[in-house]
Amino acid sequence: MTDTRQLDLWRTLLMGEEQVFAAPVVLRRHDQRSLRNWAQQREAFNTEERLERLHALTGGWPWLVDRAHRLHGELGDPDEVLRRLAGMLTDRSTIRAFVEATGVYAHPTLAAGYQAVAGKFQSGLAEADGIVTAIAYQAADEEAGRWVFACLDALQVFDREDGRLRLEPLLRECVASAV
């Protein structure tokens, strides 16, 4: 188990620079299906509308899903939980805490790479090679571009659609408002 405080280890594992007897297993954000399963296990957010809103308000990010779970335990009212979650996402300190929890700002190189992608592609789809090129251009180093892309990908900052990537919208909006 590792986190962004061990980026040198990430480089070894993600880039295959050395032969090691370990393999990275990336923990994933919830997609709509896994979030539905999560909600069913907890008997919460039991309508399609609530599940869609929960996914829209959390992006499937564990940090935000955990907040929803805690609020549901305290309040017991899924509609009130969703209202409070929406309110949390307008609070600058909560937004900053969420962005920090994603790991995007764990290292200046990661933050700069994320900003390079956001600046170049905004909310549009892009090929992985184009994203790597944008990061490499910003870093002035192709190898660093590949490494930062691998880290950002492991941090789950991209949504995939038809083999192309885009920045996950909720995180993109939060990063933009946290700056």
Protein backbone atom coordinates (compact mmCIF):
# COMPACT_ATOMS: atom_id res chain seq x y z
CA MET A 1 0.00 0.00 0.00
CA THR A 2 1.44 3.32 -1.02
CA ASP A 3 0.35 6.90 -1.52
CA THR A 4 1.68 10.03 -3.17
CA ARG A 5 4.29 10.52 -0.45
CA GLN A 6 6.22 7.69 -2.14
CA LEU A 7 6.38 8.93 -5.73
CA ASP A 8 9.85 7.43 -6.27
CA LEU A 9 8.32 4.01 -5.66
CA TRP A 10 5.50 4.92 -8.04
CA ARG A 11 8.07 5.67 -10.74
CA THR A 12 9.60 2.23 -10.28
CA LEU A 13 6.24 0.45 -10.28
CA LEU A 14 4.40 2.45 -12.94
CA MET A 15 7.24 2.97 -15.39
CA GLY A 16 8.88 -0.46 -15.10
CA GLU A 17 12.34 1.11 -14.80
CA GLU A 18 13.57 -1.70 -12.57
CA GLN A 19 12.56 -5.31 -12.18
CA VAL A 20 10.64 -5.55 -8.94
CA PHE A 21 8.55 -8.28 -7.39
CA ALA A 22 5.55 -6.05 -6.93
CA ALA A 23 2.83 -4.81 -9.19
CA PRO A 24 0.67 -1.74 -8.77
CA VAL A 25 -3.01 -2.25 -8.13
CA VAL A 26 -4.78 1.04 -8.60
CA LEU A 27 -7.81 1.67 -6.45
CA ARG A 28 -10.62 2.93 -8.65
CA ARG A 29 -13.20 5.64 -8.26
CA HIS A 30 -16.75 4.36 -8.18
CA ASP A 31 -18.51 4.25 -11.51
CA GLN A 32 -22.30 4.36 -11.62
CA ARG A 33 -22.60 0.58 -11.29
CA SER A 34 -20.24 0.23 -8.33
CA LEU A 35 -21.82 3.26 -6.65
CA ARG A 36 -25.23 1.59 -7.05
CA ASN A 37 -23.85 -1.58 -5.41
CA TRP A 38 -22.33 0.51 -2.63
CA ALA A 39 -25.67 2.26 -2.02
CA GLN A 40 -27.63 -1.01 -2.09
CA GLN A 41 -25.34 -2.56 0.52
CA ARG A 42 -25.98 0.42 2.78
CA GLU A 43 -29.67 0.68 1.91
CA ALA A 44 -29.22 4.34 0.99
CA PHE A 45 -29.97 6.55 -2.02
CA ASN A 46 -32.45 3.96 -3.26
CA THR A 47 -33.91 5.70 -6.32
CA GLU A 48 -32.42 6.24 -9.77
CA GLU A 49 -32.64 10.00 -9.37
CA ARG A 50 -30.79 9.92 -6.04
CA LEU A 51 -28.12 7.59 -7.41
CA GLU A 52 -27.55 9.81 -10.43
CA ARG A 53 -27.32 12.86 -8.20
CA LEU A 54 -24.96 11.05 -5.82
CA HIS A 55 -22.69 10.17 -8.73
CA ALA A 56 -22.84 13.73 -10.07
CA LEU A 57 -21.99 15.18 -6.66
CA THR A 58 -19.18 12.75 -5.84
CA GLY A 59 -17.75 11.79 -9.23
CA GLY A 60 -17.29 8.43 -7.52
CA TRP A 61 -14.36 9.86 -5.53
CA PRO A 62 -13.94 7.84 -2.31
CA TRP A 63 -13.34 10.99 -0.24
CA LEU A 64 -16.73 12.39 -1.25
CA VAL A 65 -18.53 9.04 -1.14
CA ASP A 66 -17.24 8.66 2.43
CA ARG A 67 -18.67 12.10 3.28
CA ALA A 68 -22.03 11.01 1.85
CA HIS A 69 -21.89 7.82 3.93
CA ARG A 70 -21.12 9.72 7.12
CA LEU A 71 -23.85 12.27 6.46
CA HIS A 72 -26.34 9.51 5.75
CA GLY A 73 -25.43 7.86 9.05
CA GLU A 74 -25.97 11.16 10.88
CA LEU A 75 -29.08 12.36 9.06
CA GLY A 76 -30.77 9.26 7.67
CA ASP A 77 -32.39 11.39 4.95
CA PRO A 78 -30.81 10.83 1.52
CA ASP A 79 -32.29 14.01 0.05
CA GLU A 80 -30.85 16.12 2.86
CA VAL A 81 -27.49 14.35 2.42
CA LEU A 82 -27.49 15.29 -1.26
CA ARG A 83 -28.38 18.92 -0.44
CA ARG A 84 -25.54 19.08 2.08
CA LEU A 85 -23.09 17.48 -0.34
CA ALA A 86 -24.03 20.09 -2.94
CA GLY A 87 -23.43 22.77 -0.31
CA MET A 88 -20.06 21.29 0.62
CA LEU A 89 -18.96 21.62 -2.99
CA THR A 90 -19.43 25.38 -2.79
CA ASP A 91 -17.25 25.71 0.31
CA ARG A 92 -13.66 26.65 -0.60
CA SER A 93 -12.08 24.83 2.35
CA THR A 94 -13.98 21.63 1.51
CA ILE A 95 -13.04 21.97 -2.15
CA ARG A 96 -9.36 22.41 -1.24
CA ALA A 97 -9.49 19.41 1.12
CA PHE A 98 -11.07 17.28 -1.62
CA VAL A 99 -8.48 18.33 -4.21
CA GLU A 100 -5.71 17.60 -1.70
CA ALA A 101 -7.22 14.17 -0.99
CA THR A 102 -7.06 13.24 -4.68
CA GLY A 103 -3.26 13.60 -4.65
CA VAL A 104 -3.14 15.95 -7.65
CA TYR A 105 -1.24 18.54 -5.61
CA ALA A 106 0.95 16.03 -3.75
CA HIS A 107 3.97 17.09 -5.80
CA PRO A 108 4.59 20.25 -7.86
CA THR A 109 5.32 18.15 -10.95
CA LEU A 110 1.94 16.40 -10.70
CA ALA A 111 0.14 19.69 -10.15
CA ALA A 112 1.90 21.29 -13.12
CA GLY A 113 1.09 18.27 -15.29
CA TYR A 114 -2.56 18.40 -14.30
CA GLN A 115 -2.69 22.12 -15.06
CA ALA A 116 -1.04 21.52 -18.45
CA VAL A 117 -3.75 19.01 -19.35
CA ALA A 118 -6.52 21.28 -18.06
CA GLY A 119 -5.13 24.22 -20.01
CA LYS A 120 -4.71 22.32 -23.26
CA PHE A 121 -7.83 20.14 -23.31
CA GLN A 122 -10.26 21.81 -20.83
CA SER A 123 -13.20 19.42 -20.80
CA GLY A 124 -12.59 17.81 -24.18
CA LEU A 125 -11.57 14.29 -25.11
CA ALA A 126 -7.97 13.59 -26.07
CA GLU A 127 -5.75 10.68 -27.00
CA ALA A 128 -3.35 9.53 -24.29
CA ASP A 129 -0.39 10.44 -26.53
CA GLY A 130 -1.67 14.01 -26.83
CA ILE A 131 -1.99 14.28 -23.07
CA VAL A 132 1.53 12.93 -22.56
CA THR A 133 2.81 15.44 -25.12
CA ALA A 134 1.09 18.35 -23.33
CA ILE A 135 2.62 17.30 -20.02
CA ALA A 136 6.05 16.68 -21.57
CA TYR A 137 5.96 20.10 -23.24
CA GLN A 138 5.18 21.76 -19.91
CA ALA A 139 7.89 19.74 -18.14
CA ALA A 140 10.36 20.11 -21.02
CA ASP A 141 11.07 16.39 -20.63
CA GLU A 142 9.39 13.52 -22.49
CA GLU A 143 10.19 10.91 -19.84
CA ALA A 144 8.79 13.17 -17.12
CA GLY A 145 5.67 13.59 -19.25
CA ARG A 146 5.14 9.84 -19.40
CA TRP A 147 5.76 9.46 -15.67
CA VAL A 148 3.40 12.30 -14.69
CA PHE A 149 0.74 10.91 -17.04
CA ALA A 150 1.10 7.47 -15.42
CA CYS A 151 0.75 9.02 -11.96
CA LEU A 152 -2.27 11.12 -12.93
CA ASP A 153 -3.84 8.06 -14.52
CA ALA A 154 -3.22 6.06 -11.33
CA LEU A 155 -4.81 8.88 -9.34
CA GLN A 156 -7.96 8.44 -11.47
CA VAL A 157 -8.10 12.00 -12.81
CA PHE A 158 -9.26 10.81 -16.24
CA ASP A 159 -12.57 9.47 -17.47
CA ARG A 160 -12.39 7.14 -20.46
CA GLU A 161 -14.69 7.25 -23.45
CA ASP A 162 -14.17 5.24 -26.63
CA GLY A 163 -10.44 4.86 -25.95
CA ARG A 164 -9.96 8.58 -25.33
CA LEU A 165 -9.52 10.47 -22.09
CA ARG A 166 -10.89 13.60 -20.49
CA LEU A 167 -10.33 15.14 -17.09
CA GLU A 168 -12.96 13.96 -14.62
CA PRO A 169 -15.41 16.89 -14.56
CA LEU A 170 -16.01 17.28 -10.82
CA LEU A 171 -12.30 17.32 -10.01
CA ARG A 172 -11.63 19.68 -12.94
CA GLU A 173 -14.25 22.13 -11.62
CA CYS A 174 -12.94 21.87 -8.05
CA VAL A 175 -9.33 22.39 -9.12
CA ALA A 176 -10.37 25.45 -11.14
CA SER A 177 -12.23 26.97 -8.19
CA ALA A 178 -9.54 26.05 -5.63
CA VAL A 179 -6.83 27.95 -7.50
